[in-house]
Structure formats: C-alpha cells, structure tokens
Amino acid sequence: MGAITYAGQYVPGADQALVDILTKAAEASGLNVEFPSGVRKGDPRQHGKGNAVDITLRDPANGNAVVKNYQNAASFRTYEQFAQAARQIQRQDYPDLTQKFRWGGYFSGPVGK
C-alpha cells in the first residue's frame, strides 16, 4: 500500500483537497509518494498559492527506489498512470475541481516550454 512522505524543501500549506487526492492515489497505486516541495513563499504562481506540490514516486517493489521524474521517457508512463489515478479520485471526491486539476508532467522542461 502506498504512502505519502514529506522531504527536501517541503513547506506545508498546500490545499488539503490536493493532499487528500494524492494520498488516495498513493494508496490506490501502491506507490510511495514523496512531496519534495509544496508551497513556495513569494511565488505568484500555483505553488505560491498552495495549489500545487511536486511529487517523486518511489516503487516499494523495487526497494523503494525513486522513479525518475524529470525528462525521463522510461518512467513517464508511471507518472502518467499515477496522474490518471489522481484524476479519477478528484472527479469522484472533488468534482468542483475538475476545471482546475491538472498534471504538471506535461509542463516539464525549460522555462517557457
């Protein structure tokens, strides 16, 4: 069963619905999910508003190894499947977030991409 942990530069204060969705997605996927960053003070974008967190997936079946998350084609599908599980939970438990909920994996890369 997957679990959530907090690491790195994580600053609490992210939207509780978002944390709940990701916690349930971790449990459903069996992956461990680490939040290396959350609220970024002074950031006018989504992290600064508490509407976003960064995640790192860890595979307990592989010694809790990190599933690489930055521009890695081999692990893209794992993150996409996790995002789809989160989306399903969001639609079921928080339908009012349907127009706001999105996966940042499609936004990876240099600024402006």
Protein backbone atom coordinates (compact mmCIF):
# COMPACT_ATOMS: atom_id res chain seq x y z
CA MET A 1 0.00 0.00 0.00
CA GLY A 2 1.38 3.41 -0.98
CA ALA A 3 2.05 6.21 1.44
CA ILE A 4 2.86 9.92 1.45
CA THR A 5 6.07 11.34 2.91
CA TYR A 6 7.44 14.87 3.05
CA ALA A 7 11.04 15.60 2.17
CA GLY A 8 13.52 18.14 0.92
CA GLN A 9 12.20 21.68 0.89
CA TYR A 10 8.57 20.81 1.50
CA VAL A 11 6.67 23.70 3.07
CA PRO A 12 3.22 22.77 4.43
CA GLY A 13 0.13 24.68 3.44
CA ALA A 14 -0.89 23.03 0.19
CA ASP A 15 -4.60 22.78 -0.46
CA GLN A 16 -5.99 19.95 1.67
CA ALA A 17 -8.13 18.59 -1.17
CA LEU A 18 -4.97 18.22 -3.29
CA VAL A 19 -3.13 16.43 -0.48
CA ASP A 20 -6.16 14.15 0.06
CA ILE A 21 -6.36 13.28 -3.65
CA LEU A 22 -2.66 12.46 -3.85
CA THR A 23 -2.79 10.42 -0.64
CA LYS A 24 -5.66 8.33 -2.01
CA ALA A 25 -3.85 7.94 -5.36
CA ALA A 26 -0.77 6.68 -3.48
CA GLU A 27 -2.89 4.11 -1.67
CA ALA A 28 -4.61 3.03 -4.90
CA SER A 29 -1.39 2.76 -6.91
CA GLY A 30 0.72 1.04 -4.28
CA LEU A 31 3.47 3.56 -4.93
CA ASN A 32 5.04 5.67 -2.22
CA VAL A 33 4.74 9.36 -2.96
CA GLU A 34 7.19 11.93 -1.67
CA PHE A 35 6.48 15.66 -1.66
CA PRO A 36 9.90 17.35 -2.09
CA SER A 37 8.31 20.80 -2.36
CA GLY A 38 4.96 22.37 -1.71
CA VAL A 39 4.15 25.99 -1.00
CA ARG A 40 6.79 28.36 -2.33
CA LYS A 41 6.59 31.62 -0.44
CA GLY A 42 6.67 34.65 -2.71
CA ASP A 43 5.89 32.64 -5.86
CA PRO A 44 2.91 34.28 -7.62
CA ARG A 45 2.11 31.05 -9.49
CA GLN A 46 0.30 27.92 -8.29
CA HIS A 47 2.93 26.79 -5.75
CA GLY A 48 2.81 30.19 -4.06
CA LYS A 49 -0.96 29.92 -3.78
CA GLY A 50 -0.81 26.43 -2.24
CA ASN A 51 -2.44 24.93 -5.31
CA ALA A 52 0.49 22.72 -6.36
CA VAL A 53 3.02 20.26 -4.99
CA ASP A 54 5.93 18.48 -6.62
CA ILE A 55 5.98 14.71 -6.29
CA THR A 56 8.53 11.95 -6.52
CA LEU A 57 7.26 8.41 -6.88
CA ARG A 58 9.04 5.54 -5.15
CA ASP A 59 8.47 1.91 -6.03
CA PRO A 60 8.29 -0.30 -2.91
CA ALA A 61 8.55 -3.42 -5.11
CA ASN A 62 11.99 -2.18 -6.19
CA GLY A 63 13.44 -1.42 -2.76
CA ASN A 64 11.56 1.89 -2.60
CA ALA A 65 13.74 3.16 -5.46
CA VAL A 66 13.00 6.59 -6.90
CA VAL A 67 11.14 6.56 -10.20
CA LYS A 68 12.99 9.31 -12.06
CA ASN A 69 10.69 12.23 -12.70
CA TYR A 70 12.48 14.76 -14.86
CA GLN A 71 12.52 14.35 -18.63
CA ASN A 72 12.78 10.58 -18.38
CA ALA A 73 10.90 8.75 -21.11
CA ALA A 74 11.30 5.38 -19.37
CA SER A 75 9.30 6.48 -16.33
CA PHE A 76 6.89 8.92 -17.97
CA ARG A 77 4.15 6.29 -18.16
CA THR A 78 4.39 5.52 -14.43
CA TYR A 79 3.85 9.19 -13.57
CA GLU A 80 1.09 9.49 -16.14
CA GLN A 81 -0.73 6.47 -14.68
CA PHE A 82 -0.41 7.97 -11.21
CA ALA A 83 -1.82 11.26 -12.55
CA GLN A 84 -4.73 9.40 -14.13
CA ALA A 85 -5.46 7.65 -10.82
CA ALA A 86 -5.38 11.03 -9.07
CA ARG A 87 -7.69 12.49 -11.71
CA GLN A 88 -10.20 9.68 -11.17
CA ILE A 89 -10.19 10.30 -7.41
CA GLN A 90 -10.51 14.04 -7.98
CA ARG A 91 -13.56 13.57 -10.22
CA GLN A 92 -15.19 11.24 -7.71
CA ASP A 93 -14.42 13.10 -4.47
CA TYR A 94 -13.88 16.71 -5.59
CA PRO A 95 -15.88 17.29 -8.80
CA ASP A 96 -15.78 21.05 -8.22
CA LEU A 97 -12.03 20.93 -9.02
CA THR A 98 -12.50 19.41 -12.50
CA GLN A 99 -11.56 22.61 -14.35
CA LYS A 100 -8.59 23.33 -12.05
CA PHE A 101 -6.99 19.94 -11.52
CA ARG A 102 -4.07 19.16 -13.85
CA TRP A 103 -0.82 17.29 -14.03
CA GLY A 104 2.34 19.32 -14.35
CA GLY A 105 4.19 16.44 -16.00
CA TYR A 106 3.18 17.89 -19.32
CA PHE A 107 4.89 21.15 -18.38
CA SER A 108 8.38 19.77 -17.62
CA GLY A 109 11.36 21.35 -19.26
CA PRO A 110 12.98 24.74 -19.53
CA VAL A 111 11.01 27.86 -18.60
CA GLY A 112 8.52 28.72 -21.31
CA LYS A 113 8.07 25.13 -22.51
